[in-house]
Amino acid sequence: MKDSPLSAKRRRYDAAFQSEARRLAGENRLTQATARALTIDPKRIIMSGKKKGCCVGRQRLRTAMRRRGLHALQSKTFTQRTTNSTHGLCCAPNRLLDQPKPTQANRVWVSDITYLPLASGDLAYLCAFQDMASKQVVGWHVMATMPEDLITTALQRTF
């Protein structure tokens, strides 16, 4: 009985996946037992297949990987910790909680300091003042460090 074109195509894709998985396992000098637990980047396999003239789809790749016990590479998000919550110092109370919302501009301003990750891996610090009624930023300043000048300069820019 002759195979359908679809099953022949699937076997080609499966063979391409197997060869790529073996190549990746060989690059990492893994034994057959540890190759099953290998986490592989699916995009890398798809791109490698395209270069070799064999197009492997995302769903087909996921099914083939699941059958072999391989898992897709999960990127772990890195959150830079810039706040020390265990400093033991008291925090300023929120005096706006029991006040009515302002209806006129330039009556109440709020501010915050946040960090901006740069492409170089460094951080820049942003201090911004916002008008509560109009929701407009009325003053801001960015610096590479977080001295008192960051806040005072941002406040001076509001006037």
N, C-alpha and C. Protein backbone atom coordinates (compact mmCIF):
# COMPACT_ATOMS: atom_id res chain seq x y z
N MET A 1 0.83 -1.17 0.00
CA MET A 1 0.00 0.00 0.00
C MET A 1 0.88 1.24 0.00
N LYS A 2 0.56 2.18 -0.83
CA LYS A 2 1.37 3.37 -0.98
C LYS A 2 1.00 4.41 0.08
N ASP A 3 2.04 5.09 0.62
CA ASP A 3 1.81 6.12 1.62
C ASP A 3 1.21 7.36 0.98
N SER A 4 0.39 8.04 1.76
CA SER A 4 -0.17 9.30 1.27
C SER A 4 0.94 10.35 1.28
N PRO A 5 0.81 11.39 0.46
CA PRO A 5 1.84 12.44 0.45
C PRO A 5 1.98 13.13 1.80
N LEU A 6 0.88 13.21 2.55
CA LEU A 6 0.93 13.85 3.84
C LEU A 6 1.79 13.07 4.82
N SER A 7 1.64 11.74 4.86
CA SER A 7 2.43 10.94 5.81
C SER A 7 3.90 10.92 5.40
N ALA A 8 4.20 10.96 4.09
CA ALA A 8 5.59 11.01 3.64
C ALA A 8 6.22 12.34 4.05
N LYS A 9 5.44 13.40 3.93
CA LYS A 9 5.92 14.72 4.32
C LYS A 9 6.18 14.76 5.83
N ARG A 10 5.28 14.17 6.60
CA ARG A 10 5.46 14.14 8.04
C ARG A 10 6.70 13.34 8.43
N ARG A 11 6.95 12.24 7.73
CA ARG A 11 8.16 11.45 8.03
C ARG A 11 9.41 12.26 7.74
N ARG A 12 9.39 13.06 6.64
CA ARG A 12 10.54 13.92 6.33
C ARG A 12 10.75 14.95 7.43
N TYR A 13 9.66 15.56 7.87
CA TYR A 13 9.77 16.55 8.94
C TYR A 13 10.28 15.91 10.23
N ASP A 14 9.75 14.71 10.51
CA ASP A 14 10.17 14.01 11.71
C ASP A 14 11.65 13.63 11.63
N ALA A 15 12.10 13.22 10.45
CA ALA A 15 13.52 12.88 10.27
C ALA A 15 14.39 14.12 10.44
N ALA A 16 13.92 15.24 9.93
CA ALA A 16 14.67 16.49 10.08
C ALA A 16 14.76 16.87 11.55
N PHE A 17 13.67 16.70 12.28
CA PHE A 17 13.68 17.01 13.70
C PHE A 17 14.64 16.08 14.44
N GLN A 18 14.58 14.78 14.13
CA GLN A 18 15.46 13.82 14.81
C GLN A 18 16.92 14.15 14.55
N SER A 19 17.26 14.47 13.32
CA SER A 19 18.67 14.77 13.03
C SER A 19 19.11 16.04 13.74
N GLU A 20 18.24 17.03 13.81
CA GLU A 20 18.58 18.27 14.50
C GLU A 20 18.72 18.03 16.00
N ALA A 21 17.83 17.24 16.57
CA ALA A 21 17.92 16.93 18.00
C ALA A 21 19.20 16.16 18.29
N ARG A 22 19.56 15.21 17.41
CA ARG A 22 20.81 14.46 17.60
C ARG A 22 22.01 15.39 17.50
N ARG A 23 21.97 16.32 16.53
CA ARG A 23 23.08 17.25 16.37
C ARG A 23 23.24 18.13 17.61
N LEU A 24 22.11 18.63 18.12
CA LEU A 24 22.18 19.46 19.32
C LEU A 24 22.66 18.67 20.52
N ALA A 25 22.21 17.43 20.62
CA ALA A 25 22.65 16.59 21.73
C ALA A 25 24.14 16.28 21.59
N GLY A 26 24.61 16.07 20.35
CA GLY A 26 26.03 15.81 20.13
C GLY A 26 26.89 17.02 20.43
N GLU A 27 26.38 18.21 20.09
CA GLU A 27 27.13 19.44 20.38
C GLU A 27 27.36 19.59 21.87
N ASN A 28 26.36 19.20 22.65
CA ASN A 28 26.46 19.36 24.09
C ASN A 28 27.08 18.14 24.77
N ARG A 29 27.52 17.17 23.96
CA ARG A 29 28.14 15.93 24.45
C ARG A 29 27.26 15.24 25.51
N LEU A 30 26.00 15.08 25.15
CA LEU A 30 25.06 14.45 26.06
C LEU A 30 24.91 12.97 25.72
N THR A 31 24.66 12.17 26.72
CA THR A 31 24.38 10.76 26.49
C THR A 31 22.94 10.63 26.03
N GLN A 32 22.57 9.45 25.57
CA GLN A 32 21.21 9.22 25.09
C GLN A 32 20.20 9.44 26.21
N ALA A 33 20.53 9.08 27.44
CA ALA A 33 19.59 9.23 28.55
C ALA A 33 19.35 10.71 28.86
N THR A 34 20.39 11.51 28.84
CA THR A 34 20.20 12.92 29.18
C THR A 34 19.69 13.73 28.00
N ALA A 35 19.77 13.19 26.80
CA ALA A 35 19.26 13.91 25.63
C ALA A 35 17.75 14.06 25.70
N ARG A 36 17.07 13.15 26.39
CA ARG A 36 15.61 13.24 26.52
C ARG A 36 15.21 14.43 27.38
N ALA A 37 16.03 14.80 28.34
CA ALA A 37 15.71 15.91 29.23
C ALA A 37 16.23 17.24 28.68
N LEU A 38 16.81 17.21 27.50
CA LEU A 38 17.39 18.41 26.91
C LEU A 38 16.31 19.43 26.58
N THR A 39 16.55 20.66 26.94
CA THR A 39 15.62 21.71 26.55
C THR A 39 16.18 22.37 25.29
N ILE A 40 15.38 22.42 24.26
CA ILE A 40 15.81 22.91 22.96
C ILE A 40 14.96 24.10 22.59
N ASP A 41 15.56 25.07 21.98
CA ASP A 41 14.84 26.24 21.50
C ASP A 41 14.15 25.87 20.19
N PRO A 42 12.81 25.83 20.15
CA PRO A 42 12.11 25.43 18.92
C PRO A 42 12.40 26.36 17.75
N LYS A 43 12.59 27.65 18.01
CA LYS A 43 12.88 28.58 16.91
C LYS A 43 14.18 28.21 16.23
N ARG A 44 15.15 27.73 17.02
CA ARG A 44 16.44 27.33 16.46
C ARG A 44 16.27 26.13 15.53
N ILE A 45 15.43 25.20 15.91
CA ILE A 45 15.20 24.02 15.08
C ILE A 45 14.47 24.40 13.80
N ILE A 46 13.47 25.28 13.90
CA ILE A 46 12.72 25.70 12.72
C ILE A 46 13.63 26.44 11.75
N MET A 47 14.47 27.34 12.27
CA MET A 47 15.39 28.08 11.41
C MET A 47 16.41 27.16 10.76
N SER A 48 16.91 26.18 11.52
CA SER A 48 17.87 25.24 10.97
C SER A 48 17.23 24.39 9.87
N GLY A 49 15.97 24.01 10.08
CA GLY A 49 15.26 23.24 9.07
C GLY A 49 15.04 24.03 7.80
N LYS A 50 14.74 25.31 7.94
CA LYS A 50 14.54 26.15 6.76
C LYS A 50 15.82 26.30 5.96
N LYS A 51 16.96 26.40 6.66
CA LYS A 51 18.24 26.51 5.97
C LYS A 51 18.56 25.25 5.17
N LYS A 52 18.08 24.11 5.68
CA LYS A 52 18.34 22.84 5.01
C LYS A 52 17.26 22.50 3.99
N GLY A 53 16.28 23.39 3.82
CA GLY A 53 15.24 23.17 2.83
C GLY A 53 14.06 22.36 3.32
N CYS A 54 13.98 22.12 4.61
CA CYS A 54 12.87 21.35 5.16
C CYS A 54 12.13 22.26 6.14
N CYS A 55 10.89 22.56 5.84
CA CYS A 55 10.11 23.48 6.66
C CYS A 55 9.33 22.69 7.70
N VAL A 56 9.61 22.94 8.97
CA VAL A 56 8.92 22.27 10.06
C VAL A 56 8.02 23.28 10.74
N GLY A 57 6.74 22.96 10.86
CA GLY A 57 5.79 23.87 11.49
C GLY A 57 5.88 23.82 13.00
N ARG A 58 5.34 24.86 13.62
CA ARG A 58 5.40 24.99 15.07
C ARG A 58 4.64 23.86 15.78
N GLN A 59 3.41 23.56 15.30
CA GLN A 59 2.61 22.52 15.94
C GLN A 59 3.22 21.14 15.74
N ARG A 60 3.72 20.89 14.55
CA ARG A 60 4.35 19.59 14.27
C ARG A 60 5.58 19.40 15.14
N LEU A 61 6.35 20.46 15.29
CA LEU A 61 7.54 20.40 16.11
C LEU A 61 7.18 20.16 17.57
N ARG A 62 6.13 20.83 18.04
CA ARG A 62 5.71 20.64 19.43
C ARG A 62 5.29 19.19 19.68
N THR A 63 4.54 18.61 18.74
CA THR A 63 4.10 17.22 18.88
C THR A 63 5.28 16.27 18.89
N ALA A 64 6.22 16.48 17.98
CA ALA A 64 7.39 15.59 17.90
C ALA A 64 8.25 15.72 19.15
N MET A 65 8.39 16.92 19.66
CA MET A 65 9.18 17.12 20.88
C MET A 65 8.50 16.46 22.07
N ARG A 66 7.19 16.59 22.16
CA ARG A 66 6.46 15.99 23.28
C ARG A 66 6.58 14.47 23.26
N ARG A 67 6.51 13.87 22.03
CA ARG A 67 6.64 12.42 21.90
C ARG A 67 7.98 11.91 22.42
N ARG A 68 9.02 12.72 22.27
CA ARG A 68 10.36 12.30 22.67
C ARG A 68 10.74 12.78 24.08
N GLY A 69 9.82 13.45 24.75
CA GLY A 69 10.09 13.91 26.11
C GLY A 69 10.97 15.15 26.17
N LEU A 70 11.07 15.87 25.06
CA LEU A 70 11.84 17.11 25.05
C LEU A 70 10.93 18.28 25.36
N HIS A 71 11.48 19.28 25.98
CA HIS A 71 10.70 20.44 26.38
C HIS A 71 11.27 21.69 25.73
N ALA A 72 10.39 22.61 25.39
CA ALA A 72 10.83 23.87 24.81
C ALA A 72 11.56 24.69 25.86
N LEU A 73 12.51 25.44 25.41
CA LEU A 73 13.28 26.30 26.29
C LEU A 73 12.39 27.41 26.82
N GLN A 74 12.27 27.50 28.13
CA GLN A 74 11.46 28.54 28.75
C GLN A 74 12.39 29.63 29.25
N SER A 75 12.24 30.82 28.72
CA SER A 75 13.09 31.91 29.18
C SER A 75 12.58 32.39 30.53
N LYS A 76 13.50 32.57 31.44
CA LYS A 76 13.13 33.05 32.76
C LYS A 76 13.25 34.57 32.75
N THR A 77 12.19 35.20 33.16
CA THR A 77 12.23 36.65 33.18
C THR A 77 13.06 37.09 34.38
N PHE A 78 13.92 38.04 34.14
CA PHE A 78 14.79 38.56 35.20
C PHE A 78 14.22 39.89 35.66
N THR A 79 13.96 39.97 36.93
CA THR A 79 13.47 41.21 37.51
C THR A 79 14.56 41.76 38.40
N GLN A 80 15.07 42.91 38.04
CA GLN A 80 16.11 43.52 38.83
C GLN A 80 15.49 44.09 40.09
N ARG A 81 16.06 43.74 41.21
CA ARG A 81 15.55 44.22 42.49
C ARG A 81 16.28 45.49 42.86
N THR A 82 15.54 46.59 42.90
CA THR A 82 16.15 47.85 43.28
C THR A 82 15.56 48.37 44.58
N THR A 83 14.59 47.68 45.12
CA THR A 83 13.95 48.12 46.36
C THR A 83 14.36 47.20 47.49
N ASN A 84 14.79 47.80 48.59
CA ASN A 84 15.11 47.05 49.78
C ASN A 84 13.94 47.22 50.74
N SER A 85 13.04 46.24 50.77
CA SER A 85 11.84 46.35 51.58
C SER A 85 12.10 46.02 53.05
N THR A 86 13.27 45.51 53.36
CA THR A 86 13.58 45.13 54.74
C THR A 86 14.53 46.13 55.39
N HIS A 87 14.43 47.41 55.03
CA HIS A 87 15.36 48.41 55.53
C HIS A 87 15.05 48.83 56.96
N GLY A 88 13.85 48.59 57.46
CA GLY A 88 13.52 48.93 58.83
C GLY A 88 13.13 50.38 59.04
N LEU A 89 13.17 51.18 57.99
CA LEU A 89 12.78 52.58 58.11
C LEU A 89 11.27 52.70 57.90
N CYS A 90 10.69 53.74 58.52
CA CYS A 90 9.24 53.91 58.36
C CYS A 90 8.94 54.56 57.01
N CYS A 91 7.80 54.22 56.46
CA CYS A 91 7.36 54.79 55.19
C CYS A 91 6.46 55.98 55.47
N ALA A 92 6.45 56.92 54.56
CA ALA A 92 5.58 58.09 54.72
C ALA A 92 4.13 57.67 54.54
N PRO A 93 3.25 58.19 55.38
CA PRO A 93 1.83 57.83 55.23
C PRO A 93 1.22 58.46 53.99
N ASN A 94 0.21 57.81 53.44
CA ASN A 94 -0.50 58.32 52.27
C ASN A 94 -1.58 59.28 52.76
N ARG A 95 -1.32 60.55 52.63
CA ARG A 95 -2.25 61.57 53.14
C ARG A 95 -3.39 61.86 52.17
N LEU A 96 -3.39 61.25 51.01
CA LEU A 96 -4.44 61.50 50.01
C LEU A 96 -5.60 60.52 50.11
N LEU A 97 -5.48 59.50 50.93
CA LEU A 97 -6.52 58.48 51.00
C LEU A 97 -7.85 59.03 51.49
N ASP A 98 -7.82 59.88 52.51
CA ASP A 98 -9.07 60.39 53.07
C ASP A 98 -9.48 61.75 52.49
N GLN A 99 -8.83 62.19 51.43
CA GLN A 99 -9.14 63.47 50.79
C GLN A 99 -9.98 63.23 49.54
N PRO A 100 -10.85 64.19 49.19
CA PRO A 100 -11.60 64.05 47.93
C PRO A 100 -10.66 64.24 46.74
N LYS A 101 -11.05 63.69 45.61
CA LYS A 101 -10.22 63.83 44.41
C LYS A 101 -10.18 65.29 43.98
N PRO A 102 -9.00 65.78 43.59
CA PRO A 102 -8.92 67.19 43.19
C PRO A 102 -9.66 67.43 41.87
N THR A 103 -10.27 68.59 41.78
CA THR A 103 -11.01 68.94 40.57
C THR A 103 -10.30 70.01 39.76
N GLN A 104 -9.36 70.73 40.37
CA GLN A 104 -8.63 71.77 39.68
C GLN A 104 -7.17 71.35 39.50
N ALA A 105 -6.58 71.79 38.40
CA ALA A 105 -5.18 71.46 38.13
C ALA A 105 -4.26 72.21 39.10
N ASN A 106 -3.08 71.64 39.32
CA ASN A 106 -2.02 72.21 40.15
C ASN A 106 -2.41 72.39 41.61
N ARG A 107 -3.31 71.54 42.10
CA ARG A 107 -3.65 71.54 43.52
C ARG A 107 -2.92 70.41 44.25
N VAL A 108 -2.85 69.24 43.59
CA VAL A 108 -2.20 68.08 44.19
C VAL A 108 -1.29 67.43 43.16
N TRP A 109 -0.04 67.23 43.54
CA TRP A 109 0.92 66.51 42.70
C TRP A 109 1.35 65.25 43.43
N VAL A 110 1.61 64.21 42.69
CA VAL A 110 2.20 62.99 43.23
C VAL A 110 3.49 62.72 42.47
N SER A 111 4.38 61.97 43.09
CA SER A 111 5.64 61.67 42.41
C SER A 111 6.03 60.23 42.67
N ASP A 112 6.92 59.76 41.84
CA ASP A 112 7.44 58.41 41.98
C ASP A 112 8.82 58.36 41.36
N ILE A 113 9.61 57.42 41.84
CA ILE A 113 10.94 57.16 41.29
C ILE A 113 10.93 55.74 40.75
N THR A 114 11.40 55.57 39.55
CA THR A 114 11.50 54.24 38.96
C THR A 114 12.82 54.12 38.22
N TYR A 115 13.20 52.90 37.90
CA TYR A 115 14.43 52.71 37.15
C TYR A 115 14.11 52.34 35.72
N LEU A 116 15.02 52.71 34.84
CA LEU A 116 14.90 52.40 33.42
C LEU A 116 16.09 51.54 33.02
N PRO A 117 15.89 50.29 32.65
CA PRO A 117 17.01 49.48 32.21
C PRO A 117 17.52 49.96 30.86
N LEU A 118 18.82 50.12 30.74
CA LEU A 118 19.43 50.58 29.50
C LEU A 118 19.98 49.39 28.72
N ALA A 119 20.24 49.59 27.44
CA ALA A 119 20.76 48.52 26.59
C ALA A 119 22.14 48.07 27.05
N SER A 120 22.88 48.95 27.69
CA SER A 120 24.22 48.60 28.17
C SER A 120 24.18 47.72 29.41
N GLY A 121 23.00 47.57 30.02
CA GLY A 121 22.88 46.78 31.23
C GLY A 121 22.84 47.64 32.48
N ASP A 122 23.14 48.92 32.33
CA ASP A 122 23.10 49.84 33.46
C ASP A 122 21.66 50.28 33.70
N LEU A 123 21.48 51.03 34.78
CA LEU A 123 20.18 51.56 35.10
C LEU A 123 20.22 53.08 35.09
N ALA A 124 19.13 53.69 34.69
CA ALA A 124 18.93 55.13 34.83
C ALA A 124 17.70 55.29 35.71
N TYR A 125 17.70 56.33 36.54
CA TYR A 125 16.60 56.54 37.46
C TYR A 125 15.77 57.74 37.01
N LEU A 126 14.45 57.56 37.02
CA LEU A 126 13.52 58.58 36.59
C LEU A 126 12.66 59.00 37.76
N CYS A 127 12.61 60.29 38.02
CA CYS A 127 11.69 60.85 39.01
C CYS A 127 10.71 61.72 38.24
N ALA A 128 9.43 61.50 38.46
CA ALA A 128 8.40 62.25 37.75
C ALA A 128 7.35 62.76 38.72
N PHE A 129 6.86 63.96 38.46
CA PHE A 129 5.76 64.55 39.21
C PHE A 129 4.56 64.63 38.30
N GLN A 130 3.40 64.21 38.80
CA GLN A 130 2.17 64.18 38.00
C GLN A 130 1.08 64.97 38.73
N ASP A 131 0.34 65.74 37.97
CA ASP A 131 -0.81 66.46 38.51
C ASP A 131 -1.97 65.48 38.63
N MET A 132 -2.60 65.43 39.81
CA MET A 132 -3.67 64.45 40.02
C MET A 132 -4.94 64.77 39.25
N ALA A 133 -5.25 66.03 39.05
CA ALA A 133 -6.50 66.39 38.36
C ALA A 133 -6.39 66.17 36.86
N SER A 134 -5.32 66.66 36.26
CA SER A 134 -5.19 66.58 34.80
C SER A 134 -4.46 65.33 34.32
N LYS A 135 -3.83 64.62 35.25
CA LYS A 135 -3.05 63.40 34.93
C LYS A 135 -1.87 63.70 34.02
N GLN A 136 -1.44 64.94 33.96
CA GLN A 136 -0.30 65.34 33.14
C GLN A 136 0.98 65.29 33.97
N VAL A 137 2.08 64.90 33.34
CA VAL A 137 3.38 64.96 33.99
C VAL A 137 3.82 66.41 33.95
N VAL A 138 4.05 66.97 35.15
CA VAL A 138 4.40 68.39 35.22
C VAL A 138 5.90 68.60 35.37
N GLY A 139 6.64 67.59 35.75
CA GLY A 139 8.09 67.71 35.86
C GLY A 139 8.73 66.34 35.98
N TRP A 140 9.93 66.21 35.42
CA TRP A 140 10.64 64.94 35.48
C TRP A 140 12.13 65.18 35.31
N HIS A 141 12.91 64.19 35.76
CA HIS A 141 14.36 64.26 35.59
C HIS A 141 14.91 62.84 35.62
N VAL A 142 15.95 62.59 34.81
CA VAL A 142 16.60 61.28 34.72
C VAL A 142 18.07 61.44 35.07
N MET A 143 18.57 60.51 35.89
CA MET A 143 20.00 60.50 36.25
C MET A 143 20.49 59.06 36.31
N ALA A 144 21.79 58.91 36.25
CA ALA A 144 22.39 57.57 36.33
C ALA A 144 22.41 57.06 37.77
N THR A 145 22.37 57.97 38.74
CA THR A 145 22.33 57.57 40.15
C THR A 145 21.07 58.16 40.77
N MET A 146 20.84 57.86 42.05
CA MET A 146 19.62 58.31 42.69
C MET A 146 19.93 59.20 43.91
N PRO A 147 20.64 60.32 43.71
CA PRO A 147 20.86 61.22 44.84
C PRO A 147 19.64 62.13 45.05
N GLU A 148 19.73 63.00 46.06
CA GLU A 148 18.64 63.94 46.31
C GLU A 148 18.44 64.89 45.13
N ASP A 149 19.50 65.16 44.39
CA ASP A 149 19.41 66.07 43.24
C ASP A 149 18.39 65.58 42.20
N LEU A 150 18.19 64.28 42.12
CA LEU A 150 17.22 63.73 41.17
C LEU A 150 15.83 64.28 41.48
N ILE A 151 15.44 64.26 42.75
CA ILE A 151 14.11 64.70 43.15
C ILE A 151 14.00 66.23 43.08
N THR A 152 15.01 66.92 43.60
CA THR A 152 14.93 68.39 43.63
C THR A 152 14.95 68.97 42.22
N THR A 153 15.73 68.39 41.32
CA THR A 153 15.74 68.89 39.93
C THR A 153 14.41 68.66 39.25
N ALA A 154 13.82 67.48 39.48
CA ALA A 154 12.50 67.20 38.89
C ALA A 154 11.46 68.17 39.45
N LEU A 155 11.54 68.48 40.74
CA LEU A 155 10.61 69.42 41.35
C LEU A 155 10.82 70.83 40.81
N GLN A 156 12.07 71.24 40.62
CA GLN A 156 12.36 72.57 40.08
C GLN A 156 11.86 72.72 38.64
N ARG A 157 11.84 71.63 37.89
CA ARG A 157 11.37 71.67 36.51
C ARG A 157 9.85 71.84 36.43
N THR A 158 9.15 71.64 37.53
CA THR A 158 7.71 71.82 37.50
C THR A 158 7.31 73.28 37.49
N PHE A 159 8.17 74.16 37.95
CA PHE A 159 7.85 75.60 38.03
C PHE A 159 8.22 76.32 36.78
